[in-house]
Amino acid sequence: MKIIFLILIVLIAQLQYRLWFGDGSISQIDIYQTRLNDLKIQVEEKKHRNDMLYAEVLDLRKGQEAVEERARDELGMIKSGETFIQVIE
């Protein structure tokens, strides 16, 4: 009976060691959960950015207004018949 009791105590001690310090321990699970949450946040940010870029691409494909706006803002272009006025502060 003492031998069985001793074997059970050794098995329980080994399982407790693995639970607290071994592979897949509670602390490792917390670390993995934190990493997973960070990755989920990054994925959501990238999805939002991709959605914005996709909307911009659709706008550029559909309308001429978006192309004109980009040409004015980024390239400083003006239409014929327009007057360019620059305000310096």
PDB file of N, CA and C in Angstrom:
ATOM      1  N   MET A   1       0.820  -1.194   0.000  1.00  0.00           N
ATOM      2  CA  MET A   1       0.000   0.000   0.000  1.00  0.00           C
ATOM      3  C   MET A   1       0.868   1.263   0.000  1.00  0.00           C
ATOM      4  N   LYS A   2       1.955   1.205   0.758  1.00  0.00           N
ATOM      5  CA  LYS A   2       2.856   2.362   0.796  1.00  0.00           C
ATOM      6  C   LYS A   2       3.497   2.604  -0.555  1.00  0.00           C
ATOM      7  N   ILE A   3       3.765   1.547  -1.289  1.00  0.00           N
ATOM      8  CA  ILE A   3       4.400   1.691  -2.600  1.00  0.00           C
ATOM      9  C   ILE A   3       3.431   2.380  -3.570  1.00  0.00           C
ATOM     10  N   ILE A   4       2.189   1.985  -3.558  1.00  0.00           N
ATOM     11  CA  ILE A   4       1.187   2.598  -4.436  1.00  0.00           C
ATOM     12  C   ILE A   4       1.025   4.079  -4.084  1.00  0.00           C
ATOM     13  N   PHE A   5       0.983   4.370  -2.797  1.00  0.00           N
ATOM     14  CA  PHE A   5       0.863   5.749  -2.341  1.00  0.00           C
ATOM     15  C   PHE A   5       2.066   6.577  -2.793  1.00  0.00           C
ATOM     16  N   LEU A   6       3.259   6.010  -2.685  1.00  0.00           N
ATOM     17  CA  LEU A   6       4.475   6.685  -3.115  1.00  0.00           C
ATOM     18  C   LEU A   6       4.469   6.920  -4.629  1.00  0.00           C
ATOM     19  N   ILE A   7       4.024   5.942  -5.406  1.00  0.00           N
ATOM     20  CA  ILE A   7       3.946   6.074  -6.858  1.00  0.00           C
ATOM     21  C   ILE A   7       2.956   7.181  -7.239  1.00  0.00           C
ATOM     22  N   LEU A   8       1.802   7.216  -6.554  1.00  0.00           N
ATOM     23  CA  LEU A   8       0.820   8.260  -6.825  1.00  0.00           C
ATOM     24  C   LEU A   8       1.371   9.648  -6.511  1.00  0.00           C
ATOM     25  N   ILE A   9       2.097   9.786  -5.434  1.00  0.00           N
ATOM     26  CA  ILE A   9       2.686  11.074  -5.067  1.00  0.00           C
ATOM     27  C   ILE A   9       3.718  11.499  -6.107  1.00  0.00           C
ATOM     28  N   VAL A  10       4.532  10.572  -6.583  1.00  0.00           N
ATOM     29  CA  VAL A  10       5.523  10.886  -7.603  1.00  0.00           C
ATOM     30  C   VAL A  10       4.829  11.309  -8.907  1.00  0.00           C
ATOM     31  N   LEU A  11       3.775  10.608  -9.313  1.00  0.00           N
ATOM     32  CA  LEU A  11       3.046  10.965 -10.522  1.00  0.00           C
ATOM     33  C   LEU A  11       2.393  12.343 -10.397  1.00  0.00           C
ATOM     34  N   ILE A  12       1.799  12.602  -9.255  1.00  0.00           N
ATOM     35  CA  ILE A  12       1.174  13.912  -9.043  1.00  0.00           C
ATOM     36  C   ILE A  12       2.228  15.015  -9.058  1.00  0.00           C
ATOM     37  N   ALA A  13       3.373  14.766  -8.462  1.00  0.00           N
ATOM     38  CA  ALA A  13       4.451  15.764  -8.448  1.00  0.00           C
ATOM     39  C   ALA A  13       4.951  16.028  -9.868  1.00  0.00           C
ATOM     40  N   GLN A  14       5.074  14.975 -10.656  1.00  0.00           N
ATOM     41  CA  GLN A  14       5.528  15.149 -12.028  1.00  0.00           C
ATOM     42  C   GLN A  14       4.510  15.942 -12.849  1.00  0.00           C
ATOM     43  N   LEU A  15       3.246  15.639 -12.683  1.00  0.00           N
ATOM     44  CA  LEU A  15       2.210  16.375 -13.408  1.00  0.00           C
ATOM     45  C   LEU A  15       2.153  17.841 -12.967  1.00  0.00           C
ATOM     46  N   GLN A  16       2.320  18.082 -11.689  1.00  0.00           N
ATOM     47  CA  GLN A  16       2.341  19.465 -11.198  1.00  0.00           C
ATOM     48  C   GLN A  16       3.551  20.221 -11.746  1.00  0.00           C
ATOM     49  N   TYR A  17       4.690  19.565 -11.828  1.00  0.00           N
ATOM     50  CA  TYR A  17       5.885  20.201 -12.378  1.00  0.00           C
ATOM     51  C   TYR A  17       5.640  20.612 -13.827  1.00  0.00           C
ATOM     52  N   ARG A  18       5.064  19.694 -14.614  1.00  0.00           N
ATOM     53  CA  ARG A  18       4.779  20.006 -16.012  1.00  0.00           C
ATOM     54  C   ARG A  18       3.750  21.112 -16.133  1.00  0.00           C
ATOM     55  N   LEU A  19       2.791  21.152 -15.223  1.00  0.00           N
ATOM     56  CA  LEU A  19       1.761  22.181 -15.265  1.00  0.00           C
ATOM     57  C   LEU A  19       2.340  23.562 -14.999  1.00  0.00           C
ATOM     58  N   TRP A  20       3.262  23.672 -14.075  1.00  0.00           N
ATOM     59  CA  TRP A  20       3.779  24.978 -13.677  1.00  0.00           C
ATOM     60  C   TRP A  20       5.055  25.386 -14.397  1.00  0.00           C
ATOM     61  N   PHE A  21       5.895  24.416 -14.793  1.00  0.00           N
ATOM     62  CA  PHE A  21       7.213  24.766 -15.342  1.00  0.00           C
ATOM     63  C   PHE A  21       7.528  24.147 -16.697  1.00  0.00           C
ATOM     64  N   GLY A  22       6.836  23.131 -17.136  1.00  0.00           N
ATOM     65  CA  GLY A  22       7.178  22.424 -18.370  1.00  0.00           C
ATOM     66  C   GLY A  22       6.606  23.081 -19.606  1.00  0.00           C
ATOM     67  N   ASP A  23       6.692  22.345 -20.728  1.00  0.00           N
ATOM     68  CA  ASP A  23       6.124  22.826 -21.985  1.00  0.00           C
ATOM     69  C   ASP A  23       4.611  22.922 -21.848  1.00  0.00           C
ATOM     70  N   GLY A  24       4.045  24.014 -22.314  1.00  0.00           N
ATOM     71  CA  GLY A  24       2.609  24.215 -22.209  1.00  0.00           C
ATOM     72  C   GLY A  24       2.170  24.573 -20.801  1.00  0.00           C
ATOM     73  N   SER A  25       3.089  25.149 -20.050  1.00  0.00           N
ATOM     74  CA  SER A  25       2.757  25.524 -18.671  1.00  0.00           C
ATOM     75  C   SER A  25       1.819  26.734 -18.663  1.00  0.00           C
ATOM     76  N   ILE A  26       1.321  27.049 -17.525  1.00  0.00           N
ATOM     77  CA  ILE A  26       0.383  28.158 -17.394  1.00  0.00           C
ATOM     78  C   ILE A  26       1.033  29.478 -17.806  1.00  0.00           C
ATOM     79  N   SER A  27       2.280  29.696 -17.423  1.00  0.00           N
ATOM     80  CA  SER A  27       2.953  30.945 -17.801  1.00  0.00           C
ATOM     81  C   SER A  27       3.173  31.025 -19.314  1.00  0.00           C
ATOM     82  N   GLN A  28       3.499  29.907 -19.932  1.00  0.00           N
ATOM     83  CA  GLN A  28       3.668  29.906 -21.392  1.00  0.00           C
ATOM     84  C   GLN A  28       2.353  30.172 -22.096  1.00  0.00           C
ATOM     85  N   ILE A  29       1.280  29.632 -21.575  1.00  0.00           N
ATOM     86  CA  ILE A  29      -0.031  29.865 -22.166  1.00  0.00           C
ATOM     87  C   ILE A  29      -0.384  31.343 -22.089  1.00  0.00           C
ATOM     88  N   ASP A  30      -0.071  31.985 -20.968  1.00  0.00           N
ATOM     89  CA  ASP A  30      -0.316  33.426 -20.842  1.00  0.00           C
ATOM     90  C   ASP A  30       0.503  34.217 -21.861  1.00  0.00           C
ATOM     91  N   ILE A  31       1.757  33.836 -22.043  1.00  0.00           N
ATOM     92  CA  ILE A  31       2.617  34.512 -23.019  1.00  0.00           C
ATOM     93  C   ILE A  31       2.050  34.340 -24.432  1.00  0.00           C
ATOM     94  N   TYR A  32       1.645  33.113 -24.764  1.00  0.00           N
ATOM     95  CA  TYR A  32       1.080  32.852 -26.081  1.00  0.00           C
ATOM     96  C   TYR A  32      -0.224  33.616 -26.283  1.00  0.00           C
ATOM     97  N   GLN A  33      -1.034  33.723 -25.239  1.00  0.00           N
ATOM     98  CA  GLN A  33      -2.294  34.444 -25.344  1.00  0.00           C
ATOM     99  C   GLN A  33      -2.045  35.933 -25.593  1.00  0.00           C
ATOM    100  N   THR A  34      -1.045  36.483 -24.918  1.00  0.00           N
ATOM    101  CA  THR A  34      -0.688  37.885 -25.121  1.00  0.00           C
ATOM    102  C   THR A  34      -0.212  38.112 -26.551  1.00  0.00           C
ATOM    103  N   ARG A  35       0.632  37.218 -27.047  1.00  0.00           N
ATOM    104  CA  ARG A  35       1.114  37.319 -28.422  1.00  0.00           C
ATOM    105  C   ARG A  35      -0.030  37.230 -29.424  1.00  0.00           C
ATOM    106  N   LEU A  36      -0.947  36.301 -29.144  1.00  0.00           N
ATOM    107  CA  LEU A  36      -2.097  36.121 -30.027  1.00  0.00           C
ATOM    108  C   LEU A  36      -2.958  37.380 -30.055  1.00  0.00           C
ATOM    109  N   ASN A  37      -3.184  37.994 -28.914  1.00  0.00           N
ATOM    110  CA  ASN A  37      -3.968  39.229 -28.867  1.00  0.00           C
ATOM    111  C   ASN A  37      -3.278  40.354 -29.630  1.00  0.00           C
ATOM    112  N   ASP A  38      -1.951  40.462 -29.496  1.00  0.00           N
ATOM    113  CA  ASP A  38      -1.203  41.474 -30.245  1.00  0.00           C
ATOM    114  C   ASP A  38      -1.325  41.241 -31.748  1.00  0.00           C
ATOM    115  N   LEU A  39      -1.223  39.985 -32.160  1.00  0.00           N
ATOM    116  CA  LEU A  39      -1.337  39.666 -33.583  1.00  0.00           C
ATOM    117  C   LEU A  39      -2.742  39.953 -34.108  1.00  0.00           C
ATOM    118  N   LYS A  40      -3.756  39.697 -33.284  1.00  0.00           N
ATOM    119  CA  LYS A  40      -5.126  40.001 -33.698  1.00  0.00           C
ATOM    120  C   LYS A  40      -5.302  41.503 -33.908  1.00  0.00           C
ATOM    121  N   ILE A  41      -4.719  42.300 -33.030  1.00  0.00           N
ATOM    122  CA  ILE A  41      -4.798  43.759 -33.169  1.00  0.00           C
ATOM    123  C   ILE A  41      -4.104  44.200 -34.457  1.00  0.00           C
ATOM    124  N   GLN A  42      -2.929  43.630 -34.732  1.00  0.00           N
ATOM    125  CA  GLN A  42      -2.205  43.979 -35.955  1.00  0.00           C
ATOM    126  C   GLN A  42      -3.004  43.583 -37.196  1.00  0.00           C
ATOM    127  N   VAL A  43      -3.648  42.435 -37.155  1.00  0.00           N
ATOM    128  CA  VAL A  43      -4.441  41.979 -38.291  1.00  0.00           C
ATOM    129  C   VAL A  43      -5.609  42.933 -38.526  1.00  0.00           C
ATOM    130  N   GLU A  44      -6.273  43.356 -37.458  1.00  0.00           N
ATOM    131  CA  GLU A  44      -7.384  44.288 -37.603  1.00  0.00           C
ATOM    132  C   GLU A  44      -6.923  45.619 -38.192  1.00  0.00           C
ATOM    133  N   GLU A  45      -5.761  46.115 -37.740  1.00  0.00           N
ATOM    134  CA  GLU A  45      -5.224  47.366 -38.282  1.00  0.00           C
ATOM    135  C   GLU A  45      -4.922  47.217 -39.776  1.00  0.00           C
ATOM    136  N   LYS A  46      -4.334  46.096 -40.147  1.00  0.00           N
ATOM    137  CA  LYS A  46      -3.991  45.877 -41.549  1.00  0.00           C
ATOM    138  C   LYS A  46      -5.247  45.689 -42.400  1.00  0.00           C
ATOM    139  N   LYS A  47      -6.276  45.045 -41.849  1.00  0.00           N
ATOM    140  CA  LYS A  47      -7.531  44.916 -42.583  1.00  0.00           C
ATOM    141  C   LYS A  47      -8.150  46.288 -42.816  1.00  0.00           C
ATOM    142  N   HIS A  48      -8.114  47.124 -41.794  1.00  0.00           N
ATOM    143  CA  HIS A  48      -8.662  48.477 -41.937  1.00  0.00           C
ATOM    144  C   HIS A  48      -7.890  49.253 -43.005  1.00  0.00           C
ATOM    145  N   ARG A  49      -6.575  49.156 -42.976  1.00  0.00           N
ATOM    146  CA  ARG A  49      -5.749  49.843 -43.970  1.00  0.00           C
ATOM    147  C   ARG A  49      -6.038  49.312 -45.377  1.00  0.00           C
ATOM    148  N   ASN A  50      -6.166  47.989 -45.508  1.00  0.00           N
ATOM    149  CA  ASN A  50      -6.471  47.395 -46.813  1.00  0.00           C
ATOM    150  C   ASN A  50      -7.834  47.846 -47.317  1.00  0.00           C
ATOM    151  N   ASP A  51      -8.816  47.939 -46.410  1.00  0.00           N
ATOM    152  CA  ASP A  51     -10.138  48.406 -46.816  1.00  0.00           C
ATOM    153  C   ASP A  51     -10.081  49.842 -47.320  1.00  0.00           C
ATOM    154  N   MET A  52      -9.304  50.677 -46.631  1.00  0.00           N
ATOM    155  CA  MET A  52      -9.166  52.066 -47.074  1.00  0.00           C
ATOM    156  C   MET A  52      -8.493  52.144 -48.441  1.00  0.00           C
ATOM    157  N   LEU A  53      -7.441  51.353 -48.636  1.00  0.00           N
ATOM    158  CA  LEU A  53      -6.753  51.348 -49.928  1.00  0.00           C
ATOM    159  C   LEU A  53      -7.658  50.813 -51.033  1.00  0.00           C
ATOM    160  N   TYR A  54      -8.438  49.794 -50.722  1.00  0.00           N
ATOM    161  CA  TYR A  54      -9.358  49.230 -51.714  1.00  0.00           C
ATOM    162  C   TYR A  54     -10.408  50.268 -52.115  1.00  0.00           C
ATOM    163  N   ALA A  55     -10.929  50.995 -51.128  1.00  0.00           N
ATOM    164  CA  ALA A  55     -11.910  52.040 -51.422  1.00  0.00           C
ATOM    165  C   ALA A  55     -11.293  53.127 -52.297  1.00  0.00           C
ATOM    166  N   GLU A  56     -10.038  53.473 -52.025  1.00  0.00           N
ATOM    167  CA  GLU A  56      -9.360  54.486 -52.826  1.00  0.00           C
ATOM    168  C   GLU A  56      -9.144  53.999 -54.263  1.00  0.00           C
ATOM    169  N   VAL A  57      -8.787  52.734 -54.407  1.00  0.00           N
ATOM    170  CA  VAL A  57      -8.600  52.170 -55.750  1.00  0.00           C
ATOM    171  C   VAL A  57      -9.919  52.199 -56.515  1.00  0.00           C
ATOM    172  N   LEU A  58     -11.005  51.812 -55.864  1.00  0.00           N
ATOM    173  CA  LEU A  58     -12.309  51.848 -56.531  1.00  0.00           C
ATOM    174  C   LEU A  58     -12.682  53.266 -56.923  1.00  0.00           C
ATOM    175  N   ASP A  59     -12.400  54.221 -56.045  1.00  0.00           N
ATOM    176  CA  ASP A  59     -12.697  55.617 -56.341  1.00  0.00           C
ATOM    177  C   ASP A  59     -11.884  56.096 -57.539  1.00  0.00           C
ATOM    178  N   LEU A  60     -10.623  55.707 -57.592  1.00  0.00           N
ATOM    179  CA  LEU A  60      -9.774  56.116 -58.716  1.00  0.00           C
ATOM    180  C   LEU A  60     -10.226  55.466 -60.029  1.00  0.00           C
ATOM    181  N   ARG A  61     -10.727  54.255 -59.946  1.00  0.00           N
ATOM    182  CA  ARG A  61     -11.182  53.579 -61.163  1.00  0.00           C
ATOM    183  C   ARG A  61     -12.499  54.159 -61.675  1.00  0.00           C
ATOM    184  N   LYS A  62     -13.377  54.550 -60.757  1.00  0.00           N
ATOM    185  CA  LYS A  62     -14.715  54.986 -61.159  1.00  0.00           C
ATOM    186  C   LYS A  62     -14.758  56.440 -61.599  1.00  0.00           C
ATOM    187  N   GLY A  63     -14.220  57.332 -60.791  1.00  0.00           N
ATOM    188  CA  GLY A  63     -14.465  58.735 -61.060  1.00  0.00           C
ATOM    189  C   GLY A  63     -13.237  59.496 -61.479  1.00  0.00           C
ATOM    190  N   GLN A  64     -13.496  60.530 -62.235  1.00  0.00           N
ATOM    191  CA  GLN A  64     -12.428  61.415 -62.686  1.00  0.00           C
ATOM    192  C   GLN A  64     -12.074  62.412 -61.588  1.00  0.00           C
ATOM    193  N   GLU A  65     -13.014  62.659 -60.672  1.00  0.00           N
ATOM    194  CA  GLU A  65     -12.786  63.639 -59.613  1.00  0.00           C
ATOM    195  C   GLU A  65     -11.614  63.249 -58.712  1.00  0.00           C
ATOM    196  N   ALA A  66     -11.508  61.983 -58.390  1.00  0.00           N
ATOM    197  CA  ALA A  66     -10.419  61.535 -57.528  1.00  0.00           C
ATOM    198  C   ALA A  66      -9.075  61.721 -58.213  1.00  0.00           C
ATOM    199  N   VAL A  67      -9.034  61.458 -59.514  1.00  0.00           N
ATOM    200  CA  VAL A  67      -7.790  61.635 -60.265  1.00  0.00           C
ATOM    201  C   VAL A  67      -7.405  63.106 -60.289  1.00  0.00           C
ATOM    202  N   GLU A  68      -8.395  63.982 -60.513  1.00  0.00           N
ATOM    203  CA  GLU A  68      -8.123  65.417 -60.520  1.00  0.00           C
ATOM    204  C   GLU A  68      -7.635  65.895 -59.149  1.00  0.00           C
ATOM    205  N   GLU A  69      -8.273  65.400 -58.103  1.00  0.00           N
ATOM    206  CA  GLU A  69      -7.877  65.807 -56.753  1.00  0.00           C
ATOM    207  C   GLU A  69      -6.434  65.414 -56.447  1.00  0.00           C
ATOM    208  N   ARG A  70      -6.072  64.198 -56.817  1.00  0.00           N
ATOM    209  CA  ARG A  70      -4.685  63.759 -56.596  1.00  0.00           C
ATOM    210  C   ARG A  70      -3.704  64.572 -57.432  1.00  0.00           C
ATOM    211  N   ALA A  71      -4.078  64.875 -58.661  1.00  0.00           N
ATOM    212  CA  ALA A  71      -3.194  65.661 -59.523  1.00  0.00           C
ATOM    213  C   ALA A  71      -2.989  67.053 -58.945  1.00  0.00           C
ATOM    214  N   ARG A  72      -4.040  67.626 -58.379  1.00  0.00           N
ATOM    215  CA  ARG A  72      -3.918  68.956 -57.796  1.00  0.00           C
ATOM    216  C   ARG A  72      -3.069  68.926 -56.525  1.00  0.00           C
ATOM    217  N   ASP A  73      -3.373  67.996 -55.642  1.00  0.00           N
ATOM    218  CA  ASP A  73      -2.681  67.940 -54.343  1.00  0.00           C
ATOM    219  C   ASP A  73      -1.227  67.498 -54.451  1.00  0.00           C
ATOM    220  N   GLU A  74      -1.005  66.426 -55.184  1.00  0.00           N
ATOM    221  CA  GLU A  74       0.327  65.832 -55.196  1.00  0.00           C
ATOM    222  C   GLU A  74       1.248  66.409 -56.270  1.00  0.00           C
ATOM    223  N   LEU A  75       0.674  66.799 -57.400  1.00  0.00           N
ATOM    224  CA  LEU A  75       1.496  67.266 -58.511  1.00  0.00           C
ATOM    225  C   LEU A  75       1.398  68.763 -58.757  1.00  0.00           C
ATOM    226  N   GLY A  76       0.443  69.426 -58.095  1.00  0.00           N
ATOM    227  CA  GLY A  76       0.295  70.866 -58.264  1.00  0.00           C
ATOM    228  C   GLY A  76      -0.251  71.257 -59.623  1.00  0.00           C
ATOM    229  N   MET A  77      -1.012  70.396 -60.252  1.00  0.00           N
ATOM    230  CA  MET A  77      -1.541  70.679 -61.584  1.00  0.00           C
ATOM    231  C   MET A  77      -2.821  71.505 -61.470  1.00  0.00           C
ATOM    232  N   ILE A  78      -3.100  72.274 -62.517  1.00  0.00           N
ATOM    233  CA  ILE A  78      -4.335  73.050 -62.591  1.00  0.00           C
ATOM    234  C   ILE A  78      -4.961  72.825 -63.960  1.00  0.00           C
ATOM    235  N   LYS A  79      -6.278  73.062 -64.047  1.00  0.00           N
ATOM    236  CA  LYS A  79      -6.980  72.923 -65.318  1.00  0.00           C
ATOM    237  C   LYS A  79      -6.752  74.169 -66.161  1.00  0.00           C
ATOM    238  N   SER A  80      -6.978  74.016 -67.430  1.00  0.00           N
ATOM    239  CA  SER A  80      -6.880  75.205 -68.284  1.00  0.00           C
ATOM    240  C   SER A  80      -8.077  76.105 -67.973  1.00  0.00           C
ATOM    241  N   GLY A  81      -7.811  77.403 -67.901  1.00  0.00           N
ATOM    242  CA  GLY A  81      -8.857  78.355 -67.572  1.00  0.00           C
ATOM    243  C   GLY A  81      -8.949  78.647 -66.078  1.00  0.00           C
ATOM    244  N   GLU A  82      -8.201  77.940 -65.265  1.00  0.00           N
ATOM    245  CA  GLU A  82      -8.202  78.191 -63.825  1.00  0.00           C
ATOM    246  C   GLU A  82      -7.045  79.115 -63.477  1.00  0.00           C
ATOM    247  N   THR A  83      -7.206  79.809 -62.370  1.00  0.00           N
ATOM    248  CA  THR A  83      -6.159  80.690 -61.896  1.00  0.00           C
ATOM    249  C   THR A  83      -5.580  80.089 -60.611  1.00  0.00           C
ATOM    250  N   PHE A  84      -4.278  79.975 -60.547  1.00  0.00           N
ATOM    251  CA  PHE A  84      -3.603  79.416 -59.377  1.00  0.00           C
ATOM    252  C   PHE A  84      -3.244  80.539 -58.441  1.00  0.00           C
ATOM    253  N   ILE A  85      -3.690  80.432 -57.190  1.00  0.00           N
ATOM    254  CA  ILE A  85      -3.367  81.418 -56.168  1.00  0.00           C
ATOM    255  C   ILE A  85      -2.709  80.686 -55.009  1.00  0.00           C
ATOM    256  N   GLN A  86      -1.521  81.119 -54.633  1.00  0.00           N
ATOM    257  CA  GLN A  86      -0.795  80.491 -53.538  1.00  0.00           C
ATOM    258  C   GLN A  86      -0.760  81.458 -52.367  1.00  0.00           C
ATOM    259  N   VAL A  87      -1.178  80.988 -51.198  1.00  0.00           N
ATOM    260  CA  VAL A  87      -1.184  81.802 -49.991  1.00  0.00           C
ATOM    261  C   VAL A  87      -0.001  81.391 -49.139  1.00  0.00           C
ATOM    262  N   ILE A  88       0.858  82.337 -48.831  1.00  0.00           N
ATOM    263  CA  ILE A  88       2.024  82.078 -47.997  1.00  0.00           C
ATOM    264  C   ILE A  88       1.778  82.703 -46.635  1.00  0.00           C
ATOM    265  N   GLU A  89       1.901  81.906 -45.614  1.00  0.00           N
ATOM    266  CA  GLU A  89       1.677  82.403 -44.249  1.00  0.00           C
ATOM    267  C   GLU A  89       2.968  82.618 -43.529  1.00  0.00           C
TER     268      GLU A  89
END
